[in-house]
Each structure stands twice: as structure tokens, then as C-alpha cells.
């Protein structure tokens, strides 16, 4: 599998899911796990109501830890998670 190509596709596509005002719930974590199994690389957008510029990376790291995935990129209020570590492929 070409994970770099999957990353580029995720970067240019619409977010797979949106983190809303309820924050990180069990249902959200389960949904992210299902998306990761299906797509391997997903894009998540955090809404203004839950994310500020200072805590987006913290939210992304928390979701990454809860889903046993890797945080690949954070840009503004959007971050990309992957099921596999990209450092192995570079």
C-alpha cells in the first residue's frame, strides 16, 4: 500500500469526520476507529466550539492515543490520523 499517496488524497479531500461541541466521546472514538479500519488515513476537522488554536494539537494527540493511531499532520483546526506510522515508509 502506498501510504504517501493515501496521505496526499486525505490532505486534498473533505474531512472524514467532524469533532463537534460534545468533544471526544466513546461514540466519536468508535467512529474514528471504524473510519481508520476502512480508509487507513483519515482527516478530522475540529469545530470552533471545541477547539482553539492552542489546544488542537492536544485534542489530536488524545484522539490518536485513544484510537492507537499515529498523528501525521496538524494544520489549523484540521488534523490527519493514520493507522500506520509514516516514518517507516520514508
C-alpha atoms as a PDB file:
ATOM      1  CA  UNK A   1       0.000   0.000   0.000  1.00  0.00           C
ATOM      2  CA  UNK A   2       1.217   3.447  -0.836  1.00  0.00           C
ATOM      3  CA  UNK A   3       0.552   5.412   2.348  1.00  0.00           C
ATOM      4  CA  UNK A   4       2.109   8.594   0.993  1.00  0.00           C
ATOM      5  CA  UNK A   5      -0.498   8.570  -1.783  1.00  0.00           C
ATOM      6  CA  UNK A   6      -3.248   7.972   0.801  1.00  0.00           C
ATOM      7  CA  UNK A   7      -1.921  10.916   2.830  1.00  0.00           C
ATOM      8  CA  UNK A   8      -1.990  13.210  -0.206  1.00  0.00           C
ATOM      9  CA  UNK A   9      -5.535  12.104  -1.021  1.00  0.00           C
ATOM     10  CA  UNK A  10      -6.643  12.772   2.566  1.00  0.00           C
ATOM     11  CA  UNK A  11      -4.930  16.161   2.518  1.00  0.00           C
ATOM     12  CA  UNK A  12      -6.823  17.326  -0.552  1.00  0.00           C
ATOM     13  CA  UNK A  13     -10.192  15.756   0.285  1.00  0.00           C
ATOM     14  CA  UNK A  14     -13.029  16.770   2.591  1.00  0.00           C
ATOM     15  CA  UNK A  15     -12.780  15.753   6.281  1.00  0.00           C
ATOM     16  CA  UNK A  16     -13.932  12.202   7.049  1.00  0.00           C
ATOM     17  CA  UNK A  17     -15.475  13.311  10.345  1.00  0.00           C
ATOM     18  CA  UNK A  18     -16.007  16.428  12.419  1.00  0.00           C
ATOM     19  CA  UNK A  19     -15.247  16.828  16.116  1.00  0.00           C
ATOM     20  CA  UNK A  20     -18.187  18.815  17.453  1.00  0.00           C
ATOM     21  CA  UNK A  21     -19.254  20.527  20.636  1.00  0.00           C
ATOM     22  CA  UNK A  22     -19.728  17.238  22.517  1.00  0.00           C
ATOM     23  CA  UNK A  23     -15.973  16.707  22.350  1.00  0.00           C
ATOM     24  CA  UNK A  24     -14.264  13.331  22.474  1.00  0.00           C
ATOM     25  CA  UNK A  25     -16.906  10.788  23.439  1.00  0.00           C
ATOM     26  CA  UNK A  26     -16.874   6.997  23.270  1.00  0.00           C
ATOM     27  CA  UNK A  27     -19.120   7.137  20.202  1.00  0.00           C
ATOM     28  CA  UNK A  28     -16.703   9.510  18.467  1.00  0.00           C
ATOM     29  CA  UNK A  29     -13.713   7.272  19.259  1.00  0.00           C
ATOM     30  CA  UNK A  30     -15.577   4.209  17.939  1.00  0.00           C
ATOM     31  CA  UNK A  31     -16.488   6.099  14.766  1.00  0.00           C
ATOM     32  CA  UNK A  32     -12.855   7.148  14.220  1.00  0.00           C
ATOM     33  CA  UNK A  33     -11.726   3.542  14.732  1.00  0.00           C
ATOM     34  CA  UNK A  34     -14.183   2.343  12.071  1.00  0.00           C
ATOM     35  CA  UNK A  35     -13.009   5.027   9.650  1.00  0.00           C
ATOM     36  CA  UNK A  36      -9.355   4.153  10.258  1.00  0.00           C
ATOM     37  CA  UNK A  37     -10.022   0.481   9.551  1.00  0.00           C
ATOM     38  CA  UNK A  38     -11.765   1.387   6.311  1.00  0.00           C
ATOM     39  CA  UNK A  39      -9.570   4.194   4.932  1.00  0.00           C
ATOM     40  CA  UNK A  40      -6.231   3.751   6.814  1.00  0.00           C
ATOM     41  CA  UNK A  41      -5.657   7.547   6.654  1.00  0.00           C
ATOM     42  CA  UNK A  42      -8.394   9.973   7.738  1.00  0.00           C
ATOM     43  CA  UNK A  43      -8.880  13.706   8.080  1.00  0.00           C
ATOM     44  CA  UNK A  44     -10.690  15.183  11.095  1.00  0.00           C
ATOM     45  CA  UNK A  45     -11.907  18.746  11.467  1.00  0.00           C
ATOM     46  CA  UNK A  46     -12.436  20.284  14.904  1.00  0.00           C
ATOM     47  CA  UNK A  47     -15.153  22.917  15.157  1.00  0.00           C
ATOM     48  CA  UNK A  48     -14.552  26.288  16.812  1.00  0.00           C
ATOM     49  CA  UNK A  49     -16.794  25.362  19.721  1.00  0.00           C
ATOM     50  CA  UNK A  50     -14.438  22.618  20.874  1.00  0.00           C
ATOM     51  CA  UNK A  51     -11.043  23.736  19.569  1.00  0.00           C
ATOM     52  CA  UNK A  52      -8.879  26.782  19.981  1.00  0.00           C
ATOM     53  CA  UNK A  53      -5.582  27.269  18.203  1.00  0.00           C
ATOM     54  CA  UNK A  54      -3.686  26.292  21.344  1.00  0.00           C
ATOM     55  CA  UNK A  55      -5.468  23.013  22.086  1.00  0.00           C
ATOM     56  CA  UNK A  56      -5.970  21.459  18.630  1.00  0.00           C
ATOM     57  CA  UNK A  57      -2.719  19.525  18.897  1.00  0.00           C
ATOM     58  CA  UNK A  58      -3.698  18.292  22.377  1.00  0.00           C
ATOM     59  CA  UNK A  59      -7.065  17.091  21.055  1.00  0.00           C
ATOM     60  CA  UNK A  60      -5.358  15.395  18.105  1.00  0.00           C
ATOM     61  CA  UNK A  61      -2.853  13.640  20.383  1.00  0.00           C
ATOM     62  CA  UNK A  62      -5.629  12.496  22.720  1.00  0.00           C
ATOM     63  CA  UNK A  63      -7.680  11.037  19.849  1.00  0.00           C
ATOM     64  CA  UNK A  64      -4.535   9.426  18.445  1.00  0.00           C
ATOM     65  CA  UNK A  65      -3.807   7.753  21.790  1.00  0.00           C
ATOM     66  CA  UNK A  66      -7.407   6.594  22.270  1.00  0.00           C
ATOM     67  CA  UNK A  67      -7.548   5.039  18.783  1.00  0.00           C
ATOM     68  CA  UNK A  68      -3.993   3.623  18.771  1.00  0.00           C
ATOM     69  CA  UNK A  69      -3.217   5.568  15.615  1.00  0.00           C
ATOM     70  CA  UNK A  70      -0.499   7.985  14.523  1.00  0.00           C
ATOM     71  CA  UNK A  71      -0.870  11.742  14.261  1.00  0.00           C
ATOM     72  CA  UNK A  72       0.547  12.669  10.864  1.00  0.00           C
ATOM     73  CA  UNK A  73      -0.248  16.348  10.393  1.00  0.00           C
ATOM     74  CA  UNK A  74      -1.955  19.287  12.112  1.00  0.00           C
ATOM     75  CA  UNK A  75      -2.959  22.333  10.070  1.00  0.00           C
ATOM     76  CA  UNK A  76      -5.166  24.880  11.741  1.00  0.00           C
ATOM     77  CA  UNK A  77      -8.167  23.018  13.144  1.00  0.00           C
ATOM     78  CA  UNK A  78      -7.706  20.036  10.835  1.00  0.00           C
ATOM     79  CA  UNK A  79      -5.546  17.016  11.579  1.00  0.00           C
ATOM     80  CA  UNK A  80      -4.745  13.742   9.854  1.00  0.00           C
ATOM     81  CA  UNK A  81      -4.502  10.361  11.561  1.00  0.00           C
ATOM     82  CA  UNK A  82      -3.075   7.168  10.131  1.00  0.00           C
ATOM     83  CA  UNK A  83      -3.321   3.546  11.122  1.00  0.00           C
ATOM     84  CA  UNK A  84       0.380   3.076  10.283  1.00  0.00           C
ATOM     85  CA  UNK A  85       3.494   5.090  11.099  1.00  0.00           C
ATOM     86  CA  UNK A  86       4.648   7.098   8.085  1.00  0.00           C
ATOM     87  CA  UNK A  87       8.236   7.276   9.378  1.00  0.00           C
ATOM     88  CA  UNK A  88       8.716   3.626   8.399  1.00  0.00           C
ATOM     89  CA  UNK A  89       7.920   4.444   4.762  1.00  0.00           C
ATOM     90  CA  UNK A  90      10.194   7.478   4.296  1.00  0.00           C
END
